[in-house]
N, C-alpha and C. Protein backbone atom coordinates (compact mmCIF):
# COMPACT_ATOMS: atom_id res chain seq x y z
N MET A 1 -5.00 1.72 14.44
CA MET A 1 -5.91 0.61 14.19
C MET A 1 -6.64 0.86 12.87
N PRO A 2 -6.88 -0.19 12.13
CA PRO A 2 -7.53 -0.06 10.82
C PRO A 2 -9.06 -0.05 10.92
N TYR A 3 -9.68 0.26 9.78
CA TYR A 3 -11.13 0.24 9.64
C TYR A 3 -11.50 -0.96 8.77
N PHE A 4 -12.47 -1.72 9.21
CA PHE A 4 -12.92 -2.90 8.49
C PHE A 4 -14.30 -2.64 7.90
N VAL A 5 -14.48 -3.05 6.65
CA VAL A 5 -15.77 -2.86 5.97
C VAL A 5 -16.42 -4.23 5.79
N PHE A 6 -17.69 -4.31 6.18
CA PHE A 6 -18.45 -5.56 6.12
C PHE A 6 -19.80 -5.34 5.44
N GLU A 7 -20.28 -6.39 4.81
CA GLU A 7 -21.66 -6.45 4.37
C GLU A 7 -22.40 -7.24 5.45
N VAL A 8 -23.53 -6.71 5.91
CA VAL A 8 -24.30 -7.34 6.98
C VAL A 8 -25.68 -7.68 6.43
N VAL A 9 -26.02 -8.98 6.49
CA VAL A 9 -27.31 -9.45 6.00
C VAL A 9 -27.97 -10.26 7.11
N PRO A 10 -29.22 -9.94 7.46
CA PRO A 10 -29.88 -10.75 8.48
C PRO A 10 -30.25 -12.13 7.95
N HIS A 11 -30.05 -13.16 8.76
CA HIS A 11 -30.43 -14.52 8.37
C HIS A 11 -31.95 -14.56 8.29
N PRO A 12 -32.51 -15.12 7.19
CA PRO A 12 -33.96 -15.09 7.00
C PRO A 12 -34.77 -15.79 8.09
N GLU A 13 -34.23 -16.83 8.67
CA GLU A 13 -34.99 -17.59 9.67
C GLU A 13 -34.69 -17.15 11.10
N SER A 14 -33.43 -17.03 11.44
CA SER A 14 -33.07 -16.75 12.84
C SER A 14 -32.91 -15.27 13.13
N GLY A 15 -32.70 -14.47 12.10
CA GLY A 15 -32.48 -13.05 12.32
C GLY A 15 -31.06 -12.71 12.72
N ALA A 16 -30.20 -13.73 12.88
CA ALA A 16 -28.80 -13.49 13.22
C ALA A 16 -28.12 -12.75 12.06
N LYS A 17 -27.09 -12.00 12.38
CA LYS A 17 -26.37 -11.24 11.36
C LYS A 17 -25.34 -12.12 10.67
N LEU A 18 -25.39 -12.14 9.35
CA LEU A 18 -24.38 -12.83 8.56
C LEU A 18 -23.40 -11.78 8.06
N LEU A 19 -22.16 -11.87 8.48
CA LEU A 19 -21.15 -10.87 8.14
C LEU A 19 -20.26 -11.36 7.01
N THR A 20 -20.08 -10.50 6.02
CA THR A 20 -19.15 -10.80 4.92
C THR A 20 -18.10 -9.71 4.91
N TYR A 21 -16.86 -10.11 5.17
CA TYR A 21 -15.74 -9.17 5.18
C TYR A 21 -15.48 -8.70 3.75
N LEU A 22 -15.34 -7.38 3.56
CA LEU A 22 -15.05 -6.85 2.23
C LEU A 22 -13.61 -6.36 2.10
N GLU A 23 -13.18 -5.50 3.03
CA GLU A 23 -11.82 -4.96 2.91
C GLU A 23 -11.41 -4.22 4.18
N THR A 24 -10.11 -3.99 4.32
CA THR A 24 -9.55 -3.23 5.43
C THR A 24 -8.92 -1.96 4.88
N TYR A 25 -9.12 -0.85 5.61
CA TYR A 25 -8.57 0.44 5.20
C TYR A 25 -7.82 1.06 6.37
N PRO A 26 -6.69 1.71 6.10
CA PRO A 26 -5.93 2.34 7.18
C PRO A 26 -6.54 3.67 7.64
N LYS A 27 -7.34 4.31 6.77
CA LYS A 27 -7.89 5.62 7.10
C LYS A 27 -9.41 5.62 7.01
N TYR A 28 -10.03 6.40 7.91
CA TYR A 28 -11.48 6.48 7.99
C TYR A 28 -12.11 6.95 6.67
N ARG A 29 -11.54 7.97 6.08
CA ARG A 29 -12.11 8.56 4.86
C ARG A 29 -12.23 7.51 3.74
N GLU A 30 -11.22 6.67 3.58
CA GLU A 30 -11.25 5.63 2.54
C GLU A 30 -12.33 4.60 2.83
N ALA A 31 -12.43 4.19 4.09
CA ALA A 31 -13.44 3.20 4.48
C ALA A 31 -14.84 3.77 4.30
N LYS A 32 -15.03 5.01 4.70
CA LYS A 32 -16.33 5.67 4.57
C LYS A 32 -16.74 5.76 3.10
N LEU A 33 -15.80 6.09 2.24
CA LEU A 33 -16.08 6.19 0.81
C LEU A 33 -16.49 4.83 0.25
N ARG A 34 -15.81 3.76 0.66
CA ARG A 34 -16.16 2.41 0.19
C ARG A 34 -17.57 2.02 0.62
N VAL A 35 -17.93 2.32 1.87
CA VAL A 35 -19.27 2.00 2.37
C VAL A 35 -20.30 2.78 1.59
N LYS A 36 -20.04 4.05 1.32
CA LYS A 36 -20.98 4.87 0.56
C LYS A 36 -21.17 4.32 -0.86
N GLU A 37 -20.08 3.92 -1.49
CA GLU A 37 -20.17 3.34 -2.84
C GLU A 37 -20.99 2.06 -2.84
N GLU A 38 -20.76 1.21 -1.86
CA GLU A 38 -21.51 -0.05 -1.77
C GLU A 38 -23.00 0.21 -1.54
N ARG A 39 -23.32 1.16 -0.69
CA ARG A 39 -24.73 1.49 -0.42
C ARG A 39 -25.40 2.04 -1.67
N ASP A 40 -24.68 2.84 -2.45
CA ASP A 40 -25.23 3.38 -3.69
C ASP A 40 -25.44 2.29 -4.73
N ARG A 41 -24.56 1.30 -4.75
CA ARG A 41 -24.66 0.19 -5.71
C ARG A 41 -25.77 -0.79 -5.37
N HIS A 42 -26.14 -0.87 -4.11
CA HIS A 42 -27.15 -1.82 -3.64
C HIS A 42 -28.27 -1.07 -2.93
N PRO A 43 -29.22 -0.55 -3.68
CA PRO A 43 -30.27 0.27 -3.06
C PRO A 43 -31.28 -0.51 -2.21
N ASP A 44 -31.31 -1.85 -2.29
CA ASP A 44 -32.28 -2.64 -1.50
C ASP A 44 -31.76 -2.83 -0.07
N ARG A 45 -31.81 -1.76 0.70
CA ARG A 45 -31.19 -1.74 2.02
C ARG A 45 -31.97 -2.48 3.09
N ASP A 46 -33.21 -2.92 2.83
CA ASP A 46 -33.93 -3.65 3.88
C ASP A 46 -33.28 -5.01 4.12
N GLN A 47 -32.67 -5.55 3.10
CA GLN A 47 -32.11 -6.90 3.23
C GLN A 47 -30.63 -6.91 3.53
N GLN A 48 -29.93 -5.85 3.22
CA GLN A 48 -28.49 -5.83 3.48
C GLN A 48 -28.06 -4.43 3.87
N GLU A 49 -26.98 -4.38 4.60
CA GLU A 49 -26.44 -3.08 4.96
C GLU A 49 -24.91 -3.19 4.95
N PHE A 50 -24.27 -2.07 4.78
CA PHE A 50 -22.81 -2.04 4.75
C PHE A 50 -22.34 -1.21 5.92
N ARG A 51 -21.40 -1.76 6.68
CA ARG A 51 -20.94 -1.12 7.91
C ARG A 51 -19.42 -1.07 7.93
N LEU A 52 -18.91 -0.07 8.63
CA LEU A 52 -17.48 -0.03 8.88
C LEU A 52 -17.28 0.00 10.38
N VAL A 53 -16.20 -0.58 10.82
CA VAL A 53 -15.92 -0.65 12.25
C VAL A 53 -14.42 -0.47 12.47
N PHE A 54 -14.09 0.25 13.55
CA PHE A 54 -12.71 0.53 13.94
C PHE A 54 -12.32 -0.52 14.98
N ALA A 55 -11.33 -1.36 14.67
CA ALA A 55 -10.97 -2.44 15.59
C ALA A 55 -9.50 -2.81 15.42
N LYS A 56 -9.00 -3.58 16.39
CA LYS A 56 -7.61 -4.03 16.35
C LYS A 56 -7.37 -5.03 15.23
N ASN A 57 -8.37 -5.94 15.03
CA ASN A 57 -8.23 -6.96 14.00
C ASN A 57 -9.62 -7.38 13.51
N GLN A 58 -9.65 -8.24 12.52
CA GLN A 58 -10.92 -8.64 11.91
C GLN A 58 -11.82 -9.41 12.89
N VAL A 59 -11.23 -10.21 13.75
CA VAL A 59 -12.01 -10.98 14.73
C VAL A 59 -12.73 -10.03 15.68
N GLU A 60 -12.02 -9.02 16.18
CA GLU A 60 -12.64 -8.05 17.07
C GLU A 60 -13.73 -7.26 16.34
N ALA A 61 -13.49 -6.92 15.07
CA ALA A 61 -14.48 -6.19 14.29
C ALA A 61 -15.77 -7.00 14.14
N GLU A 62 -15.63 -8.29 13.85
CA GLU A 62 -16.81 -9.16 13.71
C GLU A 62 -17.56 -9.26 15.04
N LYS A 63 -16.82 -9.34 16.13
CA LYS A 63 -17.44 -9.43 17.45
C LYS A 63 -18.24 -8.15 17.75
N LEU A 64 -17.65 -6.99 17.45
CA LEU A 64 -18.33 -5.72 17.69
C LEU A 64 -19.61 -5.60 16.86
N LEU A 65 -19.57 -6.07 15.63
CA LEU A 65 -20.75 -5.99 14.77
C LEU A 65 -21.83 -6.99 15.18
N SER A 66 -21.45 -8.04 15.86
CA SER A 66 -22.41 -9.08 16.25
C SER A 66 -23.17 -8.74 17.54
N ILE A 67 -22.65 -7.80 18.32
CA ILE A 67 -23.30 -7.44 19.58
C ILE A 67 -24.58 -6.66 19.27
N PRO A 68 -25.73 -7.11 19.83
CA PRO A 68 -26.97 -6.38 19.60
C PRO A 68 -26.90 -4.98 20.22
N ARG A 69 -27.42 -4.00 19.49
CA ARG A 69 -27.40 -2.62 19.97
C ARG A 69 -28.79 -2.24 20.46
N GLU A 70 -28.82 -1.43 21.51
CA GLU A 70 -30.09 -0.94 22.01
C GLU A 70 -30.61 0.13 21.06
N GLU A 71 -31.95 0.24 20.98
CA GLU A 71 -32.55 1.25 20.13
C GLU A 71 -32.28 2.63 20.70
N ARG A 72 -32.03 3.59 19.82
CA ARG A 72 -31.78 4.95 20.26
C ARG A 72 -33.08 5.62 20.69
N VAL A 73 -33.01 6.37 21.75
CA VAL A 73 -34.16 7.13 22.21
C VAL A 73 -33.98 8.57 21.75
N ILE A 74 -34.94 9.06 21.02
CA ILE A 74 -34.86 10.42 20.50
C ILE A 74 -35.87 11.28 21.25
N GLY A 75 -35.40 12.33 21.89
CA GLY A 75 -36.28 13.23 22.62
C GLY A 75 -36.59 12.72 24.02
N ASP A 76 -37.42 13.44 24.70
CA ASP A 76 -37.83 13.06 26.06
C ASP A 76 -39.01 12.11 26.03
N ILE A 77 -39.08 11.26 27.01
CA ILE A 77 -40.19 10.31 27.09
C ILE A 77 -41.22 10.84 28.07
């Protein structure tokens, strides 16, 4: 399965994620390098982020990125 690289920008009014497909890579290392390069080129990370996702196809990748994630809990409560 390939790795898909996306630019993710929150919608200013609704907060929904706007996904822009950038490219597909067959290997993790190549995709990771592309994401790192994009993050270095765009230092204003509050408004946009670059993500990679491992999926069967682009539709599944977009679906995975659209699912809200729970906040991580660090340490004991």
